[in-house]
Protein backbone atom coordinates (compact mmCIF):
# COMPACT_ATOMS: atom_id res chain seq x y z
CA MET A 1 0.00 0.00 0.00
CA SER A 2 1.24 3.50 -0.82
CA GLU A 3 2.33 5.71 2.05
CA ARG A 4 -0.41 7.94 3.38
CA LYS A 5 0.16 11.66 3.30
CA TYR A 6 -2.85 12.95 5.24
CA PHE A 7 -5.15 10.13 6.30
CA GLY A 8 -4.33 8.26 9.50
CA THR A 9 -6.13 5.22 10.86
CA ASP A 10 -9.06 7.44 11.82
CA GLY A 11 -9.17 10.12 9.13
CA VAL A 12 -7.35 13.46 9.07
CA ARG A 13 -6.61 15.02 12.47
CA SER A 14 -4.82 18.17 13.58
CA VAL A 15 -5.26 21.34 15.59
CA ALA A 16 -8.10 23.15 13.81
CA GLY A 17 -6.82 26.04 11.69
CA GLN A 18 -3.36 24.51 11.56
CA ALA A 19 -2.13 22.53 8.55
CA PRO A 20 -3.66 20.49 7.21
CA LEU A 21 -6.98 21.52 8.80
CA THR A 22 -7.10 25.01 7.33
CA ALA A 23 -10.16 26.27 5.47
CA ASP A 24 -8.26 26.39 2.15
CA TRP A 25 -6.95 22.85 2.43
CA VAL A 26 -10.26 21.38 3.62
CA MET A 27 -12.00 22.96 0.63
CA LYS A 28 -9.46 21.19 -1.62
CA LEU A 29 -10.08 17.96 0.29
CA GLY A 30 -13.81 18.37 -0.33
CA ALA A 31 -13.26 18.96 -4.04
CA ALA A 32 -10.92 15.97 -4.30
CA ALA A 33 -13.31 13.71 -2.40
CA GLY A 34 -16.23 14.96 -4.46
CA GLU A 35 -14.48 14.17 -7.74
CA VAL A 36 -13.46 10.69 -6.61
CA LEU A 37 -16.86 9.84 -5.15
CA LYS A 38 -18.68 11.15 -8.21
CA ARG A 39 -16.56 8.99 -10.50
CA GLN A 40 -17.13 5.93 -8.33
CA ALA A 41 -20.88 6.58 -8.31
CA GLY A 42 -20.90 6.89 -12.08
CA GLY A 43 -22.42 10.37 -12.06
CA ARG A 44 -24.19 12.35 -9.36
CA ALA A 45 -23.19 11.80 -5.76
CA SER A 46 -24.38 12.93 -2.34
CA VAL A 47 -22.54 13.23 0.96
CA VAL A 48 -23.99 13.60 4.46
CA ILE A 49 -21.99 15.64 6.98
CA GLY A 50 -22.31 15.53 10.76
CA LYS A 51 -20.16 17.02 13.51
CA ASP A 52 -19.58 17.14 17.23
CA THR A 53 -19.80 20.31 19.33
CA ARG A 54 -16.34 21.83 18.69
CA GLN A 55 -16.23 25.51 17.80
CA SER A 56 -14.12 24.76 14.72
CA GLY A 57 -16.69 22.36 13.33
CA ASP A 58 -18.65 25.12 11.59
CA MET A 59 -15.61 26.37 9.67
CA LEU A 60 -14.51 22.91 8.58
CA GLU A 61 -18.05 21.91 7.64
CA ALA A 62 -18.49 25.02 5.45
CA ALA A 63 -15.13 24.54 3.74
CA LEU A 64 -15.75 20.86 3.09
CA ALA A 65 -19.24 21.55 1.71
CA ALA A 66 -17.85 24.28 -0.58
CA GLY A 67 -15.32 21.85 -2.02
CA LEU A 68 -17.86 19.07 -2.50
CA THR A 69 -20.47 21.26 -4.17
CA SER A 70 -17.82 22.80 -6.44
CA ARG A 71 -17.51 19.36 -8.04
CA GLY A 72 -21.26 18.87 -8.41
CA VAL A 73 -21.81 16.78 -5.28
CA GLY A 74 -24.92 17.29 -3.16
CA VAL A 75 -24.35 17.93 0.54
CA ILE A 76 -26.77 17.04 3.33
CA HIS A 77 -26.04 18.66 6.69
CA LEU A 78 -27.03 16.51 9.67
CA GLY A 79 -25.95 18.99 12.36
CA VAL A 80 -24.52 17.83 15.68
CA LEU A 81 -24.75 14.05 15.75
CA PRO A 82 -22.67 11.18 17.21
CA THR A 83 -20.22 9.60 14.80
CA PRO A 84 -22.25 6.35 14.63
CA GLY A 85 -25.32 8.44 13.87
CA VAL A 86 -23.58 9.78 10.76
CA SER A 87 -22.78 6.19 9.78
CA TYR A 88 -26.44 5.23 10.23
CA LEU A 89 -27.79 8.20 8.29
CA THR A 90 -25.35 7.53 5.45
CA ARG A 91 -27.00 4.17 5.00
CA ARG A 92 -30.52 5.35 5.74
CA LEU A 93 -30.39 8.18 3.17
CA ASP A 94 -28.60 6.08 0.52
CA ALA A 95 -25.78 8.63 0.37
CA THR A 96 -22.62 7.96 -1.59
CA ALA A 97 -20.56 8.69 1.51
CA GLY A 98 -20.72 10.23 4.96
CA VAL A 99 -18.36 12.58 6.76
CA VAL A 100 -18.01 13.24 10.48
CA ILE A 101 -16.12 16.30 11.71
CA SER A 102 -14.76 15.37 15.10
CA ALA A 103 -11.59 14.60 17.05
CA SER A 104 -13.37 12.10 19.31
CA HIS A 105 -11.93 12.22 22.87
CA ASN A 106 -9.25 14.82 22.01
CA PRO A 107 -9.26 18.37 23.47
CA ALA A 108 -11.48 21.06 21.94
CA ALA A 109 -8.66 22.70 19.96
CA ASP A 110 -8.24 19.58 17.86
CA ASN A 111 -10.55 18.44 15.11
CA GLY A 112 -10.69 15.82 12.41
CA ILE A 113 -12.42 14.69 9.25
CA LYS A 114 -13.41 11.05 8.83
CA PHE A 115 -15.17 9.53 5.84
CA PHE A 116 -17.64 6.65 5.72
CA GLY A 117 -18.48 4.66 2.62
CA PHE A 118 -22.07 4.13 1.41
CA ASP A 119 -22.29 1.11 3.75
CA GLY A 120 -21.54 3.18 6.86
CA GLU A 121 -18.12 1.58 7.29
CA LYS A 122 -14.83 3.46 7.22
CA LEU A 123 -13.87 4.43 3.71
CA LEU A 124 -11.70 1.89 1.90
CA ASP A 125 -7.95 2.51 2.09
CA ALA A 126 -7.76 2.58 -1.69
CA THR A 127 -10.40 5.31 -1.88
CA GLU A 128 -8.63 7.42 0.75
CA LEU A 129 -5.39 7.12 -1.20
CA GLU A 130 -7.20 8.10 -4.40
CA ILE A 131 -8.59 11.20 -2.66
CA GLU A 132 -5.10 12.10 -1.40
CA GLY A 133 -3.74 11.81 -4.91
CA MET A 134 -6.49 14.04 -6.25
CA ILE A 135 -5.92 16.93 -3.78
CA ASP A 136 -3.02 18.39 -5.75
CA GLU A 137 -4.94 17.97 -9.01
CA VAL A 138 -8.15 19.86 -8.19
CA GLY A 139 -6.81 23.15 -9.56
CA SER A 140 -6.46 21.64 -13.03
CA LEU A 141 -9.91 20.03 -13.15
CA PRO A 142 -12.39 21.53 -15.63
CA PRO A 143 -14.75 23.91 -13.77
CA ILE A 144 -18.32 22.96 -12.98
CA THR A 145 -20.73 25.86 -13.29
CA GLY A 146 -24.33 26.96 -12.99
CA THR A 147 -26.96 24.36 -12.28
CA ASP A 148 -24.37 21.56 -12.46
CA LEU A 149 -22.95 22.66 -9.11
CA GLY A 150 -24.00 20.71 -6.05
CA SER A 151 -26.57 22.02 -3.60
CA VAL A 152 -26.73 22.03 0.20
CA THR A 153 -29.70 20.94 2.30
CA ASN A 154 -30.22 20.75 6.05
CA TYR A 155 -31.73 17.44 7.14
CA THR A 156 -33.59 18.43 10.31
CA GLU A 157 -34.92 14.91 10.95
CA ALA A 158 -31.48 13.37 11.49
CA GLU A 159 -31.56 13.31 15.28
CA ARG A 160 -35.12 11.98 15.45
CA ILE A 161 -34.44 9.16 12.98
CA TYR A 162 -31.23 8.12 14.73
CA LEU A 163 -33.01 8.28 18.08
CA ASN A 164 -35.71 5.93 16.77
CA PHE A 165 -33.03 3.51 15.60
CA LEU A 166 -31.44 3.44 19.07
CA ARG A 167 -34.78 2.98 20.83
CA GLN A 168 -35.26 -0.33 19.01
CA TYR A 169 -32.44 -1.79 21.11
CA ALA A 170 -33.33 -0.25 24.46
CA PRO A 171 -34.44 -2.68 27.17
CA ASP A 172 -37.02 -1.69 29.76
CA LEU A 173 -35.01 0.42 32.20
CA SER A 174 -37.88 1.22 34.52
CA GLY A 175 -36.74 1.41 38.13
CA LEU A 176 -33.12 2.13 37.29
CA LYS A 177 -31.56 5.38 38.40
CA ILE A 178 -28.78 6.27 35.96
CA ALA A 179 -26.25 9.11 35.86
CA LEU A 180 -24.98 10.07 32.39
CA ASP A 181 -21.82 12.00 31.51
CA CYS A 182 -22.32 13.34 27.98
CA ALA A 183 -18.85 14.97 27.74
CA ASN A 184 -20.34 18.24 26.43
CA GLY A 185 -20.17 16.39 23.15
CA ALA A 186 -22.27 14.93 20.37
CA ALA A 187 -24.48 12.82 22.66
CA TYR A 188 -25.57 15.72 24.88
CA ARG A 189 -29.15 15.69 23.59
CA ILE A 190 -29.63 12.16 22.30
CA ALA A 191 -28.31 10.12 25.23
CA PRO A 192 -30.64 11.55 27.92
CA LYS A 193 -33.62 11.23 25.57
CA VAL A 194 -32.92 7.56 24.82
CA PHE A 195 -32.52 6.48 28.43
CA GLN A 196 -35.51 8.49 29.61
CA ALA A 197 -37.64 6.99 26.84
CA ALA A 198 -36.58 3.53 28.05
CA GLY A 199 -37.99 4.32 31.49
CA ALA A 200 -34.84 5.18 33.44
CA ASP A 201 -34.64 7.95 36.00
CA VAL A 202 -31.83 9.97 34.38
CA PHE A 203 -29.49 12.57 35.84
CA ALA A 204 -27.34 13.95 33.01
CA ILE A 205 -24.19 16.03 33.47
CA TYR A 206 -21.94 17.87 31.00
CA THR A 207 -24.80 18.64 28.62
CA THR A 208 -24.02 22.32 28.00
CA PRO A 209 -21.47 22.46 25.17
CA ASP A 210 -20.05 25.88 24.30
CA GLY A 211 -17.65 24.77 21.57
CA ARG A 212 -14.66 24.84 23.91
CA ASN A 213 -15.58 22.52 26.78
CA ILE A 214 -15.94 19.17 24.97
CA ASN A 215 -14.07 16.44 26.91
CA ARG A 216 -12.75 19.05 29.38
CA GLY A 217 -12.51 17.17 32.67
CA CYS A 218 -15.44 14.98 31.66
CA GLY A 219 -16.46 12.09 29.45
CA SER A 220 -15.05 8.58 29.22
CA THR A 221 -11.44 9.75 29.62
CA HIS A 222 -12.14 11.79 32.80
CA MET A 223 -14.56 9.80 34.93
CA ASP A 224 -13.77 11.00 38.47
CA HIS A 225 -16.78 13.31 38.72
CA LEU A 226 -19.21 10.68 37.46
CA ARG A 227 -17.74 8.08 39.82
CA LEU A 228 -18.20 10.45 42.75
CA ILE A 229 -21.80 11.26 41.81
CA VAL A 230 -22.75 7.60 41.48
CA ALA A 231 -20.91 6.43 44.61
CA GLU A 232 -22.26 9.20 46.84
CA GLY A 233 -25.73 9.35 45.32
CA ASP A 234 -28.50 6.80 45.16
CA TYR A 235 -27.67 5.59 41.64
CA ASP A 236 -27.68 2.09 40.22
CA LEU A 237 -25.00 2.92 37.68
CA GLY A 238 -23.37 5.61 35.58
CA ILE A 239 -22.45 5.82 31.90
CA ALA A 240 -19.81 8.07 30.32
CA PHE A 241 -19.48 8.84 26.61
CA ASP A 242 -16.63 10.47 24.73
CA GLY A 243 -16.87 13.59 22.56
CA ASP A 244 -18.24 11.91 19.46
CA ALA A 245 -20.09 9.18 21.40
CA ASP A 246 -18.63 6.17 19.64
CA ARG A 247 -17.56 4.64 22.96
CA ALA A 248 -19.02 4.21 26.43
CA LEU A 249 -17.76 3.20 29.86
CA PHE A 250 -19.85 2.30 32.91
CA VAL A 251 -19.61 2.94 36.62
CA ASP A 252 -21.18 0.46 39.05
CA SER A 253 -23.20 1.61 42.05
CA ARG A 254 -20.02 1.85 44.18
CA GLY A 255 -18.16 4.03 41.67
CA ASN A 256 -15.97 1.30 40.17
CA VAL A 257 -15.20 1.68 36.46
CA ILE A 258 -16.62 -1.04 34.21
CA HIS A 259 -14.50 -0.98 31.06
CA GLY A 260 -14.49 -2.76 27.74
CA ASP A 261 -13.12 -6.07 29.06
CA HIS A 262 -16.03 -6.32 31.50
CA MET A 263 -18.51 -5.45 28.76
CA LEU A 264 -17.11 -8.08 26.40
CA LEU A 265 -17.52 -10.76 29.06
CA LEU A 266 -21.09 -9.76 29.91
CA ASN A 267 -22.22 -9.51 26.29
CA ALA A 268 -20.43 -12.68 25.20
CA ARG A 269 -22.27 -14.60 27.92
CA ALA A 270 -25.67 -13.13 27.15
CA ARG A 271 -25.28 -13.53 23.39
CA LYS A 272 -23.78 -17.03 23.72
CA GLU A 273 -20.84 -16.10 21.51
CA GLU A 274 -18.29 -18.77 20.61
CA SER A 275 -15.49 -16.30 19.86
CA VAL A 276 -14.71 -12.67 20.73
CA VAL A 277 -12.12 -10.27 19.28
CA ALA A 278 -10.06 -7.92 21.46
CA THR A 279 -6.61 -6.32 21.32
CA ILE A 280 -3.19 -7.06 22.77
CA MET A 281 -4.04 -4.62 25.59
CA THR A 282 -7.00 -6.68 26.80
CA ASN A 283 -6.35 -8.08 30.27
CA MET A 284 -5.41 -11.75 30.50
CA ALA A 285 -8.13 -12.22 33.11
CA LEU A 286 -10.76 -11.86 30.40
CA GLU A 287 -9.05 -14.44 28.21
CA VAL A 288 -8.82 -16.94 31.07
CA ARG A 289 -12.45 -16.42 32.06
CA LEU A 290 -13.75 -16.71 28.52
CA ARG A 291 -11.69 -19.86 27.95
CA SER A 292 -13.16 -21.42 31.09
CA GLU A 293 -16.62 -20.80 29.65
CA GLY A 294 -15.78 -22.23 26.23
CA ILE A 295 -15.40 -18.88 24.47
CA ALA A 296 -12.30 -18.17 22.40
CA LEU A 297 -10.54 -14.79 22.44
CA GLU A 298 -8.71 -13.53 19.37
CA ARG A 299 -6.28 -10.62 19.75
CA THR A 300 -5.37 -7.89 17.26
CA ALA A 301 -3.17 -4.80 17.24
CA VAL A 302 -4.50 -1.82 19.20
CA GLY A 303 -7.24 0.07 17.35
CA ASP A 304 -10.91 -0.51 16.59
CA ARG A 305 -10.00 -0.62 12.88
CA TYR A 306 -8.09 -3.86 13.46
CA VAL A 307 -10.82 -5.33 15.65
CA HIS A 308 -13.33 -4.57 12.89
CA GLU A 309 -11.11 -6.18 10.23
CA ARG A 310 -10.74 -9.40 12.26
CA LEU A 311 -14.45 -9.61 13.00
CA LYS A 312 -15.26 -9.22 9.31
CA SER A 313 -12.66 -11.72 8.14
CA LYS A 314 -13.81 -14.38 10.64
CA GLY A 315 -17.54 -13.72 10.33
CA LEU A 316 -17.81 -12.75 14.01
CA ASP A 317 -20.01 -10.12 15.66
CA LEU A 318 -18.59 -9.06 19.04
CA GLY A 319 -15.28 -7.35 19.72
CA GLY A 320 -13.80 -4.26 21.30
CA GLU A 321 -11.25 -2.44 23.38
CA GLN A 322 -10.87 -1.52 27.05
CA SER A 323 -11.66 2.09 26.08
CA GLY A 324 -15.32 1.13 25.66
CA HIS A 325 -15.20 1.07 21.87
CA VAL A 326 -17.25 -2.10 21.43
CA LEU A 327 -18.46 -3.48 18.11
CA PHE A 328 -21.70 -5.39 17.58
CA LEU A 329 -21.45 -6.00 13.84
CA ASP A 330 -24.80 -7.75 13.65
CA VAL A 331 -26.41 -4.46 14.73
CA SER A 332 -24.11 -1.68 13.48
CA PRO A 333 -21.01 -1.51 11.25
CA THR A 334 -19.26 0.94 13.57
CA GLY A 335 -18.71 1.52 17.28
CA ASP A 336 -21.64 3.30 18.92
CA GLY A 337 -21.42 4.40 22.55
CA VAL A 338 -25.14 4.83 23.20
CA LEU A 339 -25.96 1.57 21.42
CA THR A 340 -23.19 -0.21 23.34
CA ALA A 341 -24.65 1.03 26.62
CA LEU A 342 -28.16 -0.09 25.68
CA LEU A 343 -27.07 -3.54 24.50
CA THR A 344 -24.89 -4.04 27.57
CA LEU A 345 -27.80 -3.15 29.85
CA ALA A 346 -29.99 -5.53 27.87
CA SER A 347 -27.41 -8.28 28.46
CA MET A 348 -27.34 -7.39 32.16
CA LYS A 349 -31.10 -7.86 32.35
CA THR A 350 -30.99 -11.07 30.28
CA LEU A 351 -28.53 -12.59 32.75
CA ASN A 352 -30.37 -11.07 35.73
CA THR A 353 -27.17 -9.60 37.14
CA THR A 354 -25.72 -6.22 38.07
CA LEU A 355 -22.64 -4.24 37.13
CA ASP A 356 -21.45 -4.59 40.75
CA ALA A 357 -21.51 -8.38 40.37
CA LEU A 358 -19.76 -8.14 37.00
CA HIS A 359 -16.96 -6.02 38.45
CA ASP A 360 -16.38 -8.49 41.29
CA ASP A 361 -16.62 -11.48 38.95
CA LEU A 362 -13.85 -10.36 36.58
CA VAL A 363 -10.84 -9.42 38.70
CA MET A 364 -8.11 -7.99 36.50
CA PHE A 365 -4.68 -9.60 36.57
CA PRO A 366 -1.74 -7.50 37.75
CA GLN A 367 0.42 -6.19 34.93
CA THR A 368 3.94 -4.82 34.90
CA LEU A 369 5.67 -2.86 32.15
CA ILE A 370 9.44 -2.33 31.94
CA ASN A 371 10.88 0.03 29.34
CA VAL A 372 14.34 -1.13 28.24
CA PRO A 373 16.59 1.32 26.30
CA VAL A 374 18.22 -0.36 23.28
CA ALA A 375 20.51 0.72 20.46
CA ASP A 376 18.46 -0.92 17.70
CA LYS A 377 14.87 -1.79 18.58
CA LYS A 378 14.23 -3.48 15.22
CA ALA A 379 17.12 -5.89 15.70
CA ILE A 380 15.78 -7.06 19.05
CA ALA A 381 12.60 -8.47 17.49
CA GLY A 382 14.64 -10.95 15.45
CA ASP A 383 17.26 -11.74 18.10
CA GLY A 384 17.37 -15.49 18.76
CA ARG A 385 18.30 -15.16 22.44
CA VAL A 386 15.47 -12.71 23.08
CA GLN A 387 13.00 -14.98 21.31
CA ALA A 388 14.19 -17.90 23.44
CA ALA A 389 13.79 -15.80 26.59
CA VAL A 390 10.22 -14.94 25.60
CA SER A 391 9.47 -18.65 25.14
CA GLU A 392 10.99 -19.40 28.53
CA ALA A 393 8.88 -16.67 30.16
CA GLU A 394 5.71 -17.99 28.55
CA ALA A 395 6.55 -21.52 29.68
CA ALA A 396 7.08 -20.27 33.24
CA LEU A 397 3.57 -18.79 33.26
CA SER A 398 2.11 -22.02 31.84
CA GLY A 399 -0.87 -20.35 30.18
CA ARG A 400 -1.82 -18.49 33.36
CA GLY A 401 -0.27 -15.23 32.17
CA ARG A 402 0.88 -13.34 29.12
CA VAL A 403 4.10 -11.86 27.78
CA ASN A 404 4.32 -9.11 25.19
CA LEU A 405 7.41 -7.41 23.80
CA ARG A 406 6.94 -4.45 21.49
CA PRO A 407 9.13 -1.57 20.32
CA SER A 408 8.16 1.96 21.24
CA GLY A 409 6.81 3.91 18.31
CA THR A 410 8.72 7.07 19.23
CA GLU A 411 11.76 6.08 21.33
CA ASN A 412 14.60 3.56 21.23
CA LEU A 413 12.89 1.38 23.80
CA ILE A 414 11.57 -2.15 24.01
CA ARG A 415 8.48 -2.39 26.20
CA VAL A 416 8.44 -5.61 28.21
CA MET A 417 4.93 -6.37 29.48
CA VAL A 418 4.08 -9.35 31.65
CA GLU A 419 0.64 -10.09 33.05
CA GLY A 420 -0.61 -12.84 35.35
CA PRO A 421 -2.54 -13.65 38.53
CA ASP A 422 0.45 -13.50 40.89
CA HIS A 423 2.18 -10.11 41.22
CA ALA A 424 5.46 -11.45 42.60
CA GLU A 425 5.70 -14.04 39.85
CA ILE A 426 5.11 -11.61 36.98
CA MET A 427 7.66 -9.17 38.45
CA ASP A 428 10.25 -11.94 38.55
CA VAL A 429 9.48 -13.08 34.98
CA ALA A 430 9.53 -9.49 33.69
CA GLU A 431 12.84 -8.64 35.35
CA ARG A 432 14.53 -11.75 33.93
CA LEU A 433 13.20 -11.06 30.45
CA ALA A 434 14.12 -7.38 30.61
CA GLY A 435 17.63 -8.43 31.65
CA VAL A 436 18.03 -10.45 28.46
CA VAL A 437 16.67 -7.60 26.31
CA ARG A 438 19.02 -5.17 28.08
CA GLU A 439 22.03 -7.44 27.50
CA ARG A 440 21.23 -8.09 23.84
CA GLY A 441 20.19 -4.52 23.10
CA SER A 442 23.09 -2.67 24.65
CA ALA A 443 25.28 -0.69 22.25
CA GLY A 444 28.40 -2.60 21.30
């Protein structure tokens, strides 16, 4: 695959107003995307655009729409809507593509542009590369004029239609008292409405976005306030979303965080899954517990993109990350925080259990991480003595723990991670393994 110039694993991201997310460049991106999408569609094309609550979203949305319409592509504005809502409306409105303007859980100064294909899934790598290649060519394209230009419409029903979709999967929550942290983000209106409609007694916080307070001390990456509210109040549980609401984390009635590993266990049990996909960061305790219940766990590299790819390739439905980005591919092609919360609560009711019981049932294994400076981190991966030491460490744990060696992406370090039920044992195994890496990786 050709090297990417602008698109990362989750679209284009930067500080808004700073290259590449300037108005001029985003307009070129829109024109390039419009030309590529129009050619793929064999003529006219339409693109839906949604955004989170960042102040810079309006500028980027206007610039992107100007570029798209300049190439004869119709634009449908959805307004503020969770990322998975944009995915859903792309499919529902039979659009050629969808775009969400958001930087997810990042601070308010950041922003991003992510494309969905007509199927609501992330745009194909090949299409993103084609768009990148077209950006420098837009100035030489023949102009489109007059009535051949694209038009812009505002789809005011977007929130209602997405809300109706979510309500299909809501269990009866009557009698439950729930605190919601909406992160001053894209779920600030929808989430309280969904849970109230399902019968819950809802107390929602961080529902007053001003364009600058998204994710600021709140949401799924800053849960202290929600934990305090739930633990000190008379709440059954709490739920926190991130800025674009594609992930969710829970808090049990005592204020303990219920993360993605817990949710995978609960949903795998309720759905009677035979196999679940998670990442290399998933705690070994989940793998051991699933194995004891006859459920296999497959691991991928970190990132929901890789979880999604493995699920698709194996024909599986359930997978996710500790961050609360959980995928239910039989329901939605992308991670959806509100949907994840609803389905997890439905599983809780199916199994007649509580989040408190789930937290106590899945006790996370201790984990230690040792960063070892090396002269050549690439050479270590193929070093025979290091590989032998890894095998010895794995044999010492006898399937009760896990060993992972990986190079740092930014420093000349090898990260030695060991995980298992006994803290003293994993410390001993990690120190011995790190000693071998240190010896083999020292500068000669």
